[in-house]
Amino acid sequence: MTKAPNQTVTRAQLDALEAGRAKPRETLDYTIGGTTEKAIHEQTELERNHALRTGHDRLRQASQSIQTAHVFSAQEGYAKAQFNQAQKSYADRQREAAQSARQKPHSRDR
């Protein structure tokens, strides 16, 4: 079983894997049979099930991370707005400095 790290999984790929699963048949089948054929079919089915499991896990994790990011981005925007409302702007500080400078007597005016 080979594992491909960080491989993108789509819903269509998972549907195709699920469609490829073996369906039980109740007809006579004239195949060679034996332990070799059985082992190959078991290995193929194990790989398909592993791909399905990891694909579903990746989609679930991606969905959860998107939902979490959405919640935190809303909270981050709210926090920034609150911070900005609490802080004086650069222009406000400059106006206050100019106003206080106008009110102070200069040394030459004495």
C-alpha atoms as a PDB file:
ATOM      1  CA  MET A   1       0.000   0.000   0.000  1.00  0.00           C
ATOM      2  CA  THR A   2       1.593   3.264  -1.071  1.00  0.00           C
ATOM      3  CA  LYS A   3       0.615   6.483   0.621  1.00  0.00           C
ATOM      4  CA  ALA A   4       0.744   9.779  -1.254  1.00  0.00           C
ATOM      5  CA  PRO A   5       1.217  12.637   1.234  1.00  0.00           C
ATOM      6  CA  ASN A   6      -0.685  15.890   0.722  1.00  0.00           C
ATOM      7  CA  GLN A   7      -2.488  14.657  -2.366  1.00  0.00           C
ATOM      8  CA  THR A   8      -5.608  16.619  -3.253  1.00  0.00           C
ATOM      9  CA  VAL A   9      -8.795  14.572  -3.043  1.00  0.00           C
ATOM     10  CA  THR A  10     -12.039  15.464  -4.753  1.00  0.00           C
ATOM     11  CA  ARG A  11     -15.542  14.180  -4.235  1.00  0.00           C
ATOM     12  CA  ALA A  12     -15.526  12.807  -7.814  1.00  0.00           C
ATOM     13  CA  GLN A  13     -12.443  10.699  -7.078  1.00  0.00           C
ATOM     14  CA  LEU A  14     -14.051   9.266  -3.957  1.00  0.00           C
ATOM     15  CA  ASP A  15     -17.257   8.520  -5.860  1.00  0.00           C
ATOM     16  CA  ALA A  16     -15.244   6.731  -8.563  1.00  0.00           C
ATOM     17  CA  LEU A  17     -13.441   4.647  -5.918  1.00  0.00           C
ATOM     18  CA  GLU A  18     -16.707   3.754  -4.240  1.00  0.00           C
ATOM     19  CA  ALA A  19     -18.259   2.824  -7.596  1.00  0.00           C
ATOM     20  CA  GLY A  20     -15.305   0.504  -8.251  1.00  0.00           C
ATOM     21  CA  ARG A  21     -15.930  -1.542  -5.129  1.00  0.00           C
ATOM     22  CA  ALA A  22     -16.684  -5.179  -5.732  1.00  0.00           C
ATOM     23  CA  LYS A  23     -20.352  -6.063  -5.603  1.00  0.00           C
ATOM     24  CA  PRO A  24     -21.278  -9.532  -4.417  1.00  0.00           C
ATOM     25  CA  ARG A  25     -22.371 -11.785  -7.268  1.00  0.00           C
ATOM     26  CA  GLU A  26     -24.243 -14.999  -6.875  1.00  0.00           C
ATOM     27  CA  THR A  27     -23.418 -16.482 -10.253  1.00  0.00           C
ATOM     28  CA  LEU A  28     -21.006 -19.202 -11.194  1.00  0.00           C
ATOM     29  CA  ASP A  29     -17.699 -17.765 -12.224  1.00  0.00           C
ATOM     30  CA  TYR A  30     -15.086 -19.870 -13.970  1.00  0.00           C
ATOM     31  CA  THR A  31     -11.857 -18.307 -12.765  1.00  0.00           C
ATOM     32  CA  ILE A  32      -8.617 -19.882 -11.760  1.00  0.00           C
ATOM     33  CA  GLY A  33      -9.195 -19.177  -8.093  1.00  0.00           C
ATOM     34  CA  GLY A  34      -6.854 -20.249  -5.398  1.00  0.00           C
ATOM     35  CA  THR A  35      -4.923 -18.365  -2.769  1.00  0.00           C
ATOM     36  CA  THR A  36      -3.053 -16.138  -5.238  1.00  0.00           C
ATOM     37  CA  GLU A  37      -6.195 -14.720  -6.784  1.00  0.00           C
ATOM     38  CA  LYS A  38      -7.774 -14.311  -3.362  1.00  0.00           C
ATOM     39  CA  ALA A  39      -4.697 -12.456  -2.036  1.00  0.00           C
ATOM     40  CA  ILE A  40      -4.649 -10.121  -5.049  1.00  0.00           C
ATOM     41  CA  HIS A  41      -8.340  -9.286  -4.664  1.00  0.00           C
ATOM     42  CA  GLU A  42      -7.916  -8.719  -0.931  1.00  0.00           C
ATOM     43  CA  GLN A  43      -4.914  -6.433  -1.495  1.00  0.00           C
ATOM     44  CA  THR A  44      -6.779  -4.441  -4.145  1.00  0.00           C
ATOM     45  CA  GLU A  45      -9.781  -4.058  -1.865  1.00  0.00           C
ATOM     46  CA  LEU A  46      -7.566  -3.022   1.068  1.00  0.00           C
ATOM     47  CA  GLU A  47      -5.906  -0.323  -1.044  1.00  0.00           C
ATOM     48  CA  ARG A  48      -9.276   0.944  -2.284  1.00  0.00           C
ATOM     49  CA  ASN A  49     -10.678   1.066   1.269  1.00  0.00           C
ATOM     50  CA  HIS A  50      -7.559   2.859   2.512  1.00  0.00           C
ATOM     51  CA  ALA A  51      -7.872   5.441  -0.262  1.00  0.00           C
ATOM     52  CA  LEU A  52     -11.537   5.960   0.590  1.00  0.00           C
ATOM     53  CA  ARG A  53     -10.840   6.294   4.324  1.00  0.00           C
ATOM     54  CA  THR A  54      -8.005   8.764   3.871  1.00  0.00           C
ATOM     55  CA  GLY A  55      -9.989  10.705   1.262  1.00  0.00           C
ATOM     56  CA  HIS A  56     -12.980  11.066   3.550  1.00  0.00           C
ATOM     57  CA  ASP A  57     -10.700  12.052   6.441  1.00  0.00           C
ATOM     58  CA  ARG A  58      -8.991  14.718   4.321  1.00  0.00           C
ATOM     59  CA  LEU A  59     -12.304  16.165   3.160  1.00  0.00           C
ATOM     60  CA  ARG A  60     -13.613  16.211   6.744  1.00  0.00           C
ATOM     61  CA  GLN A  61     -10.446  17.911   8.027  1.00  0.00           C
ATOM     62  CA  ALA A  62     -10.555  20.474   5.219  1.00  0.00           C
ATOM     63  CA  SER A  63     -14.189  21.243   5.994  1.00  0.00           C
ATOM     64  CA  GLN A  64     -13.447  21.657   9.701  1.00  0.00           C
ATOM     65  CA  SER A  65     -10.455  23.907   9.042  1.00  0.00           C
ATOM     66  CA  ILE A  66     -12.516  26.115   6.717  1.00  0.00           C
ATOM     67  CA  GLN A  67     -15.286  26.408   9.302  1.00  0.00           C
ATOM     68  CA  THR A  68     -12.777  27.180  12.060  1.00  0.00           C
ATOM     69  CA  ALA A  69     -10.983  29.759   9.925  1.00  0.00           C
ATOM     70  CA  HIS A  70     -14.307  31.425   9.137  1.00  0.00           C
ATOM     71  CA  VAL A  71     -15.192  31.754  12.821  1.00  0.00           C
ATOM     72  CA  PHE A  72     -11.762  33.056  13.781  1.00  0.00           C
ATOM     73  CA  SER A  73     -11.637  35.534  10.890  1.00  0.00           C
ATOM     74  CA  ALA A  74     -14.914  37.055  12.070  1.00  0.00           C
ATOM     75  CA  GLN A  75     -13.581  37.314  15.607  1.00  0.00           C
ATOM     76  CA  GLU A  76     -10.289  38.774  14.365  1.00  0.00           C
ATOM     77  CA  GLY A  77     -12.151  41.464  12.419  1.00  0.00           C
ATOM     78  CA  TYR A  78     -14.194  42.318  15.507  1.00  0.00           C
ATOM     79  CA  ALA A  79     -11.050  42.551  17.649  1.00  0.00           C
ATOM     80  CA  LYS A  80      -9.348  44.831  15.117  1.00  0.00           C
ATOM     81  CA  ALA A  81     -12.376  47.095  15.014  1.00  0.00           C
ATOM     82  CA  GLN A  82     -12.484  47.320  18.801  1.00  0.00           C
ATOM     83  CA  PHE A  83      -8.755  48.052  18.942  1.00  0.00           C
ATOM     84  CA  ASN A  84      -9.010  50.749  16.275  1.00  0.00           C
ATOM     85  CA  GLN A  85     -11.915  52.419  18.053  1.00  0.00           C
ATOM     86  CA  ALA A  86      -9.935  52.532  21.286  1.00  0.00           C
ATOM     87  CA  GLN A  87      -6.834  54.050  19.650  1.00  0.00           C
ATOM     88  CA  LYS A  88      -6.472  57.652  18.607  1.00  0.00           C
ATOM     89  CA  SER A  89      -5.494  58.189  15.017  1.00  0.00           C
ATOM     90  CA  TYR A  90      -2.272  59.898  13.986  1.00  0.00           C
ATOM     91  CA  ALA A  91      -4.253  62.927  12.805  1.00  0.00           C
ATOM     92  CA  ASP A  92      -6.025  63.198  16.180  1.00  0.00           C
ATOM     93  CA  ARG A  93      -2.684  63.151  18.004  1.00  0.00           C
ATOM     94  CA  GLN A  94      -1.282  65.810  15.661  1.00  0.00           C
ATOM     95  CA  ARG A  95      -4.323  68.041  16.232  1.00  0.00           C
ATOM     96  CA  GLU A  96      -3.949  67.707  20.001  1.00  0.00           C
ATOM     97  CA  ALA A  97      -0.238  68.526  19.808  1.00  0.00           C
ATOM     98  CA  ALA A  98      -0.954  71.611  17.694  1.00  0.00           C
ATOM     99  CA  GLN A  99      -3.708  72.735  20.056  1.00  0.00           C
ATOM    100  CA  SER A 100      -1.498  72.365  23.115  1.00  0.00           C
ATOM    101  CA  ALA A 101       1.319  74.178  21.317  1.00  0.00           C
ATOM    102  CA  ARG A 102      -1.007  77.104  20.588  1.00  0.00           C
ATOM    103  CA  GLN A 103      -2.032  77.311  24.227  1.00  0.00           C
ATOM    104  CA  LYS A 104       1.522  77.322  25.639  1.00  0.00           C
ATOM    105  CA  PRO A 105       3.222  80.720  25.835  1.00  0.00           C
ATOM    106  CA  HIS A 106       6.470  80.969  23.923  1.00  0.00           C
ATOM    107  CA  SER A 107       9.618  82.210  25.626  1.00  0.00           C
ATOM    108  CA  ARG A 108       9.851  85.243  23.306  1.00  0.00           C
ATOM    109  CA  ASP A 109       6.287  86.330  24.216  1.00  0.00           C
ATOM    110  CA  ARG A 110       7.220  86.901  27.859  1.00  0.00           C
END
